[in-house]
Amino acid sequence: MKVEMEMGLKDVPGSLLRSLEPISKHGGNIISVLHHRSEADDVKVKLVFQIKDLKSLQLIEKSLKQGAIKISDIIVEGRRYYEKKTISFILIGHVIDSDIRDTIDRINNIGCVSDVDVVMPDPSAKSSVLMKADIDNGDIDNVVDLIKDICEEKKLAFICCLLK
């Protein structure tokens, strides 16, 4: 089976090698590796490889996720198997005091919060939190609705998401 996989890797030494190891470990034969470095946080990588069956692909996918490697798209034999998008959004208010862990856990029920940046000038002041979450393409509207509900419940301001 021919697989085309797109992912975003951190621009640090060894990250490309770590993304290739699970493919080799689970019997994949790598055909090509293309990568594009840009101003963005991640280096976009497209891999094309052969595997014997879907079980091998599932093992590869699981290993990559355990290694915190962000997969954005998988095409198997020309058909879309998997697609994720990354959304970025800002929450403003008493985000920490209103249980940021609960907010993250609720978003993680649908997607996966992959990055959190907090600006908190003073413990008693309002904070600003930039979050990035990796979401299955079909669940984006559900996640945005969930974030709006959380913000209404916790009296937070929500600055609409950017989609990558």
N, C-alpha and C. Protein backbone atom coordinates (compact mmCIF):
# COMPACT_ATOMS: atom_id res chain seq x y z
N MET A 1 0.84 -1.18 0.00
CA MET A 1 0.00 0.00 0.00
C MET A 1 0.88 1.24 0.00
N LYS A 2 0.55 2.17 -0.86
CA LYS A 2 1.29 3.42 -0.92
C LYS A 2 0.64 4.43 0.03
N VAL A 3 1.46 5.05 0.88
CA VAL A 3 0.98 6.02 1.86
C VAL A 3 1.70 7.34 1.66
N GLU A 4 0.94 8.43 1.64
CA GLU A 4 1.51 9.78 1.65
C GLU A 4 1.11 10.40 2.97
N MET A 5 2.10 10.87 3.72
CA MET A 5 1.84 11.42 5.05
C MET A 5 2.47 12.80 5.16
N GLU A 6 1.70 13.76 5.65
CA GLU A 6 2.22 15.10 5.89
C GLU A 6 2.25 15.34 7.39
N MET A 7 3.32 15.97 7.84
CA MET A 7 3.46 16.24 9.26
C MET A 7 4.22 17.54 9.48
N GLY A 8 4.14 18.05 10.68
CA GLY A 8 4.88 19.23 11.07
C GLY A 8 5.87 18.85 12.15
N LEU A 9 7.15 19.11 11.91
CA LEU A 9 8.20 18.76 12.86
C LEU A 9 8.81 20.01 13.47
N LYS A 10 9.19 19.91 14.72
CA LYS A 10 9.94 21.00 15.34
C LYS A 10 11.27 21.12 14.62
N ASP A 11 11.74 22.34 14.47
CA ASP A 11 13.00 22.60 13.77
C ASP A 11 14.17 22.45 14.74
N VAL A 12 14.39 21.19 15.16
CA VAL A 12 15.49 20.86 16.07
C VAL A 12 16.21 19.63 15.53
N PRO A 13 17.51 19.52 15.84
CA PRO A 13 18.26 18.36 15.35
C PRO A 13 17.62 17.04 15.79
N GLY A 14 17.52 16.11 14.86
CA GLY A 14 17.04 14.77 15.15
C GLY A 14 15.55 14.55 14.96
N SER A 15 14.77 15.62 14.76
CA SER A 15 13.32 15.43 14.66
C SER A 15 12.92 14.68 13.38
N LEU A 16 13.61 14.92 12.28
CA LEU A 16 13.29 14.19 11.05
C LEU A 16 13.60 12.70 11.23
N LEU A 17 14.73 12.40 11.81
CA LEU A 17 15.10 11.01 12.05
C LEU A 17 14.07 10.31 12.94
N ARG A 18 13.62 11.01 14.00
CA ARG A 18 12.61 10.43 14.90
C ARG A 18 11.30 10.15 14.17
N SER A 19 10.99 10.94 13.15
CA SER A 19 9.75 10.71 12.40
C SER A 19 9.87 9.53 11.43
N LEU A 20 11.08 9.21 11.02
CA LEU A 20 11.29 8.10 10.08
C LEU A 20 11.40 6.74 10.78
N GLU A 21 11.89 6.74 12.02
CA GLU A 21 12.12 5.47 12.73
C GLU A 21 10.88 4.59 12.85
N PRO A 22 9.70 5.13 13.21
CA PRO A 22 8.52 4.25 13.32
C PRO A 22 8.13 3.59 12.00
N ILE A 23 8.38 4.27 10.90
CA ILE A 23 8.05 3.69 9.60
C ILE A 23 8.92 2.47 9.34
N SER A 24 10.20 2.61 9.58
CA SER A 24 11.13 1.50 9.41
C SER A 24 10.82 0.38 10.40
N LYS A 25 10.57 0.75 11.65
CA LYS A 25 10.31 -0.22 12.71
C LYS A 25 9.10 -1.11 12.40
N HIS A 26 8.10 -0.54 11.73
CA HIS A 26 6.87 -1.29 11.45
C HIS A 26 6.78 -1.76 10.00
N GLY A 27 7.94 -1.93 9.36
CA GLY A 27 8.01 -2.57 8.05
C GLY A 27 7.75 -1.69 6.85
N GLY A 28 7.78 -0.39 7.03
CA GLY A 28 7.56 0.51 5.91
C GLY A 28 8.81 0.68 5.07
N ASN A 29 8.62 0.91 3.79
CA ASN A 29 9.72 1.16 2.87
C ASN A 29 9.58 2.60 2.37
N ILE A 30 10.49 3.47 2.78
CA ILE A 30 10.40 4.89 2.46
C ILE A 30 10.79 5.12 1.00
N ILE A 31 9.91 5.81 0.27
CA ILE A 31 10.14 6.12 -1.14
C ILE A 31 10.70 7.53 -1.29
N SER A 32 10.09 8.50 -0.59
CA SER A 32 10.61 9.87 -0.69
C SER A 32 10.32 10.67 0.58
N VAL A 33 11.16 11.67 0.80
CA VAL A 33 11.02 12.60 1.92
C VAL A 33 11.21 14.00 1.36
N LEU A 34 10.20 14.83 1.50
CA LEU A 34 10.28 16.23 1.09
C LEU A 34 10.03 17.09 2.31
N HIS A 35 10.85 18.13 2.49
CA HIS A 35 10.59 19.02 3.62
C HIS A 35 10.76 20.46 3.18
N HIS A 36 10.00 21.32 3.87
CA HIS A 36 10.00 22.74 3.53
C HIS A 36 10.12 23.55 4.82
N ARG A 37 11.22 24.25 4.94
CA ARG A 37 11.45 25.11 6.09
C ARG A 37 10.95 26.50 5.73
N SER A 38 10.18 27.11 6.65
CA SER A 38 9.65 28.45 6.41
C SER A 38 9.73 29.25 7.70
N GLU A 39 9.06 30.39 7.71
CA GLU A 39 9.03 31.25 8.89
C GLU A 39 8.16 30.65 10.00
N ALA A 40 7.33 29.68 9.67
CA ALA A 40 6.42 29.08 10.65
C ALA A 40 7.18 28.29 11.70
N ASP A 41 6.46 27.91 12.76
CA ASP A 41 7.06 27.18 13.87
C ASP A 41 7.57 25.80 13.45
N ASP A 42 6.80 25.12 12.62
CA ASP A 42 7.13 23.74 12.26
C ASP A 42 7.70 23.66 10.85
N VAL A 43 8.52 22.62 10.64
CA VAL A 43 9.01 22.29 9.30
C VAL A 43 8.00 21.30 8.71
N LYS A 44 7.43 21.63 7.57
CA LYS A 44 6.46 20.75 6.91
C LYS A 44 7.22 19.64 6.20
N VAL A 45 6.80 18.40 6.45
CA VAL A 45 7.45 17.23 5.86
C VAL A 45 6.39 16.37 5.19
N LYS A 46 6.68 15.93 3.97
CA LYS A 46 5.81 14.98 3.28
C LYS A 46 6.60 13.71 3.04
N LEU A 47 6.09 12.61 3.53
CA LEU A 47 6.72 11.30 3.37
C LEU A 47 5.86 10.45 2.45
N VAL A 48 6.50 9.70 1.59
CA VAL A 48 5.81 8.70 0.78
C VAL A 48 6.50 7.38 1.08
N PHE A 49 5.69 6.38 1.46
CA PHE A 49 6.26 5.08 1.79
C PHE A 49 5.28 3.96 1.47
N GLN A 50 5.80 2.75 1.41
CA GLN A 50 5.01 1.55 1.16
C GLN A 50 4.89 0.77 2.47
N ILE A 51 3.71 0.23 2.73
CA ILE A 51 3.50 -0.67 3.86
C ILE A 51 2.67 -1.85 3.38
N LYS A 52 2.65 -2.91 4.19
CA LYS A 52 1.93 -4.11 3.75
C LYS A 52 0.43 -4.07 4.03
N ASP A 53 0.01 -3.37 5.14
CA ASP A 53 -1.41 -3.37 5.48
C ASP A 53 -1.77 -2.19 6.39
N LEU A 54 -3.07 -2.02 6.64
CA LEU A 54 -3.53 -0.91 7.49
C LEU A 54 -3.08 -1.06 8.93
N LYS A 55 -2.90 -2.28 9.40
CA LYS A 55 -2.41 -2.50 10.77
C LYS A 55 -1.04 -1.86 10.94
N SER A 56 -0.18 -2.00 9.95
CA SER A 56 1.15 -1.36 10.01
C SER A 56 1.01 0.15 10.08
N LEU A 57 0.08 0.71 9.29
CA LEU A 57 -0.14 2.15 9.30
C LEU A 57 -0.62 2.61 10.68
N GLN A 58 -1.52 1.85 11.28
CA GLN A 58 -2.02 2.22 12.61
C GLN A 58 -0.90 2.19 13.65
N LEU A 59 0.00 1.22 13.55
CA LEU A 59 1.14 1.16 14.47
C LEU A 59 2.09 2.34 14.25
N ILE A 60 2.32 2.69 12.99
CA ILE A 60 3.17 3.84 12.67
C ILE A 60 2.54 5.12 13.22
N GLU A 61 1.25 5.29 12.97
CA GLU A 61 0.53 6.48 13.43
C GLU A 61 0.59 6.58 14.96
N LYS A 62 0.37 5.48 15.64
CA LYS A 62 0.42 5.46 17.11
C LYS A 62 1.81 5.83 17.62
N SER A 63 2.85 5.27 17.01
CA SER A 63 4.23 5.58 17.42
C SER A 63 4.56 7.05 17.21
N LEU A 64 4.12 7.61 16.09
CA LEU A 64 4.39 9.02 15.82
C LEU A 64 3.67 9.91 16.83
N LYS A 65 2.43 9.59 17.15
CA LYS A 65 1.69 10.38 18.14
C LYS A 65 2.34 10.29 19.51
N GLN A 66 2.82 9.10 19.88
CA GLN A 66 3.50 8.95 21.17
C GLN A 66 4.79 9.77 21.21
N GLY A 67 5.40 9.97 20.05
CA GLY A 67 6.61 10.79 19.95
C GLY A 67 6.30 12.27 19.78
N ALA A 68 5.04 12.65 19.96
CA ALA A 68 4.59 14.05 19.86
C ALA A 68 4.86 14.64 18.48
N ILE A 69 4.76 13.81 17.46
CA ILE A 69 4.92 14.28 16.08
C ILE A 69 3.53 14.54 15.51
N LYS A 70 3.31 15.75 15.02
CA LYS A 70 2.00 16.19 14.54
C LYS A 70 1.77 15.73 13.11
N ILE A 71 0.82 14.83 12.92
CA ILE A 71 0.43 14.38 11.59
C ILE A 71 -0.74 15.25 11.13
N SER A 72 -0.63 15.81 9.94
CA SER A 72 -1.71 16.66 9.45
C SER A 72 -2.55 15.99 8.36
N ASP A 73 -2.00 15.01 7.68
CA ASP A 73 -2.74 14.41 6.57
C ASP A 73 -2.16 13.04 6.24
N ILE A 74 -3.03 12.08 5.97
CA ILE A 74 -2.60 10.76 5.51
C ILE A 74 -3.48 10.37 4.33
N ILE A 75 -2.84 9.98 3.24
CA ILE A 75 -3.54 9.50 2.05
C ILE A 75 -3.03 8.09 1.77
N VAL A 76 -3.96 7.13 1.67
CA VAL A 76 -3.61 5.74 1.41
C VAL A 76 -4.16 5.36 0.04
N GLU A 77 -3.27 4.95 -0.85
CA GLU A 77 -3.67 4.54 -2.20
C GLU A 77 -4.56 5.60 -2.86
N GLY A 78 -4.21 6.86 -2.68
CA GLY A 78 -4.93 7.95 -3.32
C GLY A 78 -6.20 8.41 -2.63
N ARG A 79 -6.56 7.78 -1.50
CA ARG A 79 -7.78 8.15 -0.78
C ARG A 79 -7.42 8.71 0.59
N ARG A 80 -8.10 9.81 0.95
CA ARG A 80 -7.83 10.45 2.24
C ARG A 80 -8.20 9.50 3.37
N TYR A 81 -7.24 9.27 4.25
CA TYR A 81 -7.41 8.39 5.40
C TYR A 81 -7.59 9.21 6.67
N TYR A 82 -6.92 10.36 6.71
CA TYR A 82 -6.86 11.14 7.95
C TYR A 82 -6.46 12.56 7.62
N GLU A 83 -7.10 13.53 8.26
CA GLU A 83 -6.69 14.92 8.07
C GLU A 83 -6.93 15.69 9.35
N LYS A 84 -5.93 16.42 9.79
CA LYS A 84 -6.04 17.27 10.98
C LYS A 84 -5.71 18.69 10.60
N LYS A 85 -6.29 19.60 11.34
CA LYS A 85 -5.98 21.02 11.22
C LYS A 85 -5.53 21.51 12.59
N THR A 86 -4.74 22.55 12.60
CA THR A 86 -4.34 23.19 13.85
C THR A 86 -5.06 24.52 13.95
N ILE A 87 -5.76 24.71 15.07
CA ILE A 87 -6.39 25.99 15.31
C ILE A 87 -5.63 26.71 16.42
N SER A 88 -5.55 28.02 16.30
CA SER A 88 -4.94 28.86 17.33
C SER A 88 -6.00 29.84 17.80
N PHE A 89 -6.07 30.04 19.11
CA PHE A 89 -7.06 30.96 19.65
C PHE A 89 -6.53 31.56 20.96
N ILE A 90 -7.11 32.69 21.34
CA ILE A 90 -6.68 33.40 22.54
C ILE A 90 -7.86 33.49 23.50
N LEU A 91 -7.58 33.20 24.77
CA LEU A 91 -8.54 33.37 25.84
C LEU A 91 -8.03 34.49 26.74
N ILE A 92 -8.91 35.41 27.13
CA ILE A 92 -8.51 36.52 27.98
C ILE A 92 -9.46 36.58 29.18
N GLY A 93 -8.89 36.74 30.34
CA GLY A 93 -9.67 36.82 31.58
C GLY A 93 -8.91 36.12 32.68
N HIS A 94 -9.63 35.62 33.66
CA HIS A 94 -8.98 34.87 34.74
C HIS A 94 -8.90 33.40 34.30
N VAL A 95 -8.11 33.17 33.27
CA VAL A 95 -8.02 31.85 32.64
C VAL A 95 -7.43 30.83 33.61
N ILE A 96 -6.37 31.21 34.32
CA ILE A 96 -5.72 30.30 35.25
C ILE A 96 -6.65 30.02 36.44
N ASP A 97 -7.20 31.07 37.01
CA ASP A 97 -8.08 30.92 38.18
C ASP A 97 -9.37 30.17 37.87
N SER A 98 -9.79 30.18 36.62
CA SER A 98 -11.02 29.47 36.25
C SER A 98 -10.72 28.04 35.80
N ASP A 99 -9.61 27.51 36.26
CA ASP A 99 -9.21 26.11 36.04
C ASP A 99 -8.83 25.82 34.59
N ILE A 100 -7.63 26.26 34.24
CA ILE A 100 -7.12 26.04 32.88
C ILE A 100 -7.03 24.55 32.56
N ARG A 101 -6.76 23.73 33.58
CA ARG A 101 -6.67 22.27 33.36
C ARG A 101 -8.01 21.74 32.86
N ASP A 102 -9.11 22.19 33.46
CA ASP A 102 -10.44 21.78 33.02
C ASP A 102 -10.69 22.19 31.57
N THR A 103 -10.30 23.42 31.24
CA THR A 103 -10.48 23.92 29.87
C THR A 103 -9.72 23.03 28.88
N ILE A 104 -8.47 22.74 29.19
CA ILE A 104 -7.64 21.89 28.32
C ILE A 104 -8.24 20.49 28.20
N ASP A 105 -8.64 19.91 29.33
CA ASP A 105 -9.21 18.56 29.31
C ASP A 105 -10.47 18.49 28.46
N ARG A 106 -11.31 19.51 28.54
CA ARG A 106 -12.55 19.51 27.76
C ARG A 106 -12.25 19.63 26.26
N ILE A 107 -11.28 20.43 25.90
CA ILE A 107 -10.89 20.53 24.49
C ILE A 107 -10.27 19.22 24.03
N ASN A 108 -9.47 18.59 24.91
CA ASN A 108 -8.82 17.33 24.56
C ASN A 108 -9.81 16.19 24.35
N ASN A 109 -11.03 16.32 24.82
CA ASN A 109 -12.04 15.29 24.55
C ASN A 109 -12.41 15.22 23.07
N ILE A 110 -12.19 16.33 22.36
CA ILE A 110 -12.49 16.36 20.92
C ILE A 110 -11.21 16.41 20.10
N GLY A 111 -10.23 17.17 20.55
CA GLY A 111 -8.97 17.34 19.83
C GLY A 111 -7.81 17.11 20.76
N CYS A 112 -6.74 17.84 20.52
CA CYS A 112 -5.54 17.70 21.34
C CYS A 112 -4.85 19.06 21.45
N VAL A 113 -4.88 19.65 22.65
CA VAL A 113 -4.17 20.91 22.87
C VAL A 113 -2.69 20.60 22.77
N SER A 114 -2.01 21.25 21.83
CA SER A 114 -0.61 20.94 21.57
C SER A 114 0.35 22.01 22.07
N ASP A 115 -0.17 23.20 22.40
CA ASP A 115 0.72 24.28 22.86
C ASP A 115 -0.10 25.28 23.65
N VAL A 116 0.48 25.76 24.75
CA VAL A 116 -0.16 26.77 25.58
C VAL A 116 0.88 27.81 25.95
N ASP A 117 0.59 29.08 25.65
CA ASP A 117 1.45 30.20 26.05
C ASP A 117 0.63 31.13 26.92
N VAL A 118 1.14 31.40 28.12
CA VAL A 118 0.41 32.21 29.09
C VAL A 118 1.15 33.52 29.34
N VAL A 119 0.40 34.62 29.35
CA VAL A 119 0.93 35.92 29.79
C VAL A 119 0.09 36.32 30.99
N MET A 120 0.76 36.37 32.16
CA MET A 120 0.06 36.71 33.40
C MET A 120 0.89 37.77 34.12
N PRO A 121 0.55 39.05 33.94
CA PRO A 121 1.36 40.12 34.51
C PRO A 121 1.38 40.13 36.03
N ASP A 122 0.32 39.65 36.65
CA ASP A 122 0.21 39.65 38.11
C ASP A 122 -0.79 38.56 38.49
N PRO A 123 -0.57 37.84 39.60
CA PRO A 123 -1.50 36.76 39.95
C PRO A 123 -2.95 37.20 40.10
N SER A 124 -3.18 38.45 40.46
CA SER A 124 -4.56 38.91 40.63
C SER A 124 -5.14 39.55 39.35
N ALA A 125 -4.29 39.76 38.36
CA ALA A 125 -4.72 40.40 37.11
C ALA A 125 -5.25 39.36 36.13
N LYS A 126 -5.93 39.85 35.11
CA LYS A 126 -6.39 38.97 34.04
C LYS A 126 -5.19 38.46 33.25
N SER A 127 -5.32 37.26 32.73
CA SER A 127 -4.25 36.67 31.93
C SER A 127 -4.71 36.51 30.49
N SER A 128 -3.74 36.33 29.62
CA SER A 128 -3.99 36.03 28.21
C SER A 128 -3.35 34.69 27.91
N VAL A 129 -4.08 33.82 27.27
CA VAL A 129 -3.57 32.49 26.95
C VAL A 129 -3.77 32.22 25.47
N LEU A 130 -2.66 31.93 24.79
CA LEU A 130 -2.71 31.49 23.40
C LEU A 130 -2.63 29.97 23.41
N MET A 131 -3.61 29.32 22.82
CA MET A 131 -3.60 27.86 22.73
C MET A 131 -3.61 27.44 21.28
N LYS A 132 -2.94 26.32 21.02
CA LYS A 132 -3.02 25.67 19.72
C LYS A 132 -3.57 24.27 19.97
N ALA A 133 -4.48 23.85 19.11
CA ALA A 133 -5.06 22.52 19.25
C ALA A 133 -5.12 21.85 17.89
N ASP A 134 -4.78 20.58 17.87
CA ASP A 134 -4.85 19.77 16.66
C ASP A 134 -6.21 19.07 16.66
N ILE A 135 -6.97 19.29 15.59
CA ILE A 135 -8.35 18.83 15.53
C ILE A 135 -8.59 18.07 14.23
N ASP A 136 -9.34 16.96 14.32
CA ASP A 136 -9.77 16.29 13.10
C ASP A 136 -10.58 17.28 12.27
N ASN A 137 -10.37 17.25 10.97
CA ASN A 137 -10.98 18.23 10.08
C ASN A 137 -12.50 18.34 10.28
N GLY A 138 -13.17 17.23 10.52
CA GLY A 138 -14.62 17.24 10.68
C GLY A 138 -15.11 17.75 12.02
N ASP A 139 -14.21 17.95 12.99
CA ASP A 139 -14.61 18.37 14.33
C ASP A 139 -14.34 19.84 14.63
N ILE A 140 -13.88 20.61 13.65
CA ILE A 140 -13.49 22.00 13.90
C ILE A 140 -14.66 22.83 14.44
N ASP A 141 -15.82 22.74 13.82
CA ASP A 141 -16.98 23.51 14.29
C ASP A 141 -17.36 23.11 15.71
N ASN A 142 -17.29 21.81 16.02
CA ASN A 142 -17.61 21.34 17.38
C ASN A 142 -16.65 21.93 18.41
N VAL A 143 -15.37 22.00 18.08
CA VAL A 143 -14.38 22.54 19.01
C VAL A 143 -14.61 24.04 19.22
N VAL A 144 -14.85 24.76 18.14
CA VAL A 144 -15.10 26.21 18.26
C VAL A 144 -16.34 26.45 19.13
N ASP A 145 -17.40 25.67 18.91
CA ASP A 145 -18.61 25.81 19.74
C ASP A 145 -18.30 25.49 21.20
N LEU A 146 -17.50 24.45 21.44
CA LEU A 146 -17.12 24.09 22.81
C LEU A 146 -16.34 25.22 23.48
N ILE A 147 -15.38 25.80 22.77
CA ILE A 147 -14.58 26.89 23.33
C ILE A 147 -15.48 28.08 23.66
N LYS A 148 -16.42 28.39 22.78
CA LYS A 148 -17.37 29.49 23.06
C LYS A 148 -18.18 29.20 24.32
N ASP A 149 -18.64 27.96 24.47
CA ASP A 149 -19.40 27.58 25.66
C ASP A 149 -18.56 27.71 26.93
N ILE A 150 -17.31 27.24 26.86
CA ILE A 150 -16.40 27.33 28.01
C ILE A 150 -16.19 28.80 28.38
N CYS A 151 -15.97 29.64 27.38
CA CYS A 151 -15.73 31.06 27.63
C CYS A 151 -16.95 31.74 28.25
N GLU A 152 -18.12 31.37 27.78
CA GLU A 152 -19.34 31.94 28.36
C GLU A 152 -19.49 31.50 29.82
N GLU A 153 -19.26 30.22 30.06
CA GLU A 153 -19.38 29.66 31.41
C GLU A 153 -18.37 30.28 32.38
N LYS A 154 -17.13 30.49 31.91
CA LYS A 154 -16.05 30.98 32.78
C LYS A 154 -15.83 32.49 32.65
N LYS A 155 -16.68 33.15 31.89
CA LYS A 155 -16.60 34.60 31.70
C LYS A 155 -15.24 35.03 31.14
N LEU A 156 -14.84 34.37 30.07
CA LEU A 156 -13.58 34.67 29.39
C LEU A 156 -13.89 35.26 28.02
N ALA A 157 -12.99 36.09 27.54
CA ALA A 157 -13.10 36.59 26.17
C ALA A 157 -12.41 35.59 25.25
N PHE A 158 -12.99 35.39 24.08
CA PHE A 158 -12.47 34.43 23.10
C PHE A 158 -12.17 35.18 21.82
N ILE A 159 -10.92 35.17 21.43
CA ILE A 159 -10.53 35.77 20.15
C ILE A 159 -10.46 34.64 19.15
N CYS A 160 -11.26 34.77 18.13
CA CYS A 160 -11.50 33.71 17.16
C CYS A 160 -10.22 33.04 16.67
N CYS A 161 -10.40 31.84 16.26
CA CYS A 161 -9.27 31.00 15.92
C CYS A 161 -8.72 31.27 14.52
N LEU A 162 -7.45 30.93 14.38
CA LEU A 162 -6.77 30.92 13.10
C LEU A 162 -6.58 29.47 12.73
N LEU A 163 -6.85 29.14 11.50
CA LEU A 163 -6.80 27.75 11.05
C LEU A 163 -5.59 27.56 10.16
N LYS A 164 -4.81 26.49 10.43
CA LYS A 164 -3.66 26.14 9.58
C LYS A 164 -3.94 24.83 8.91
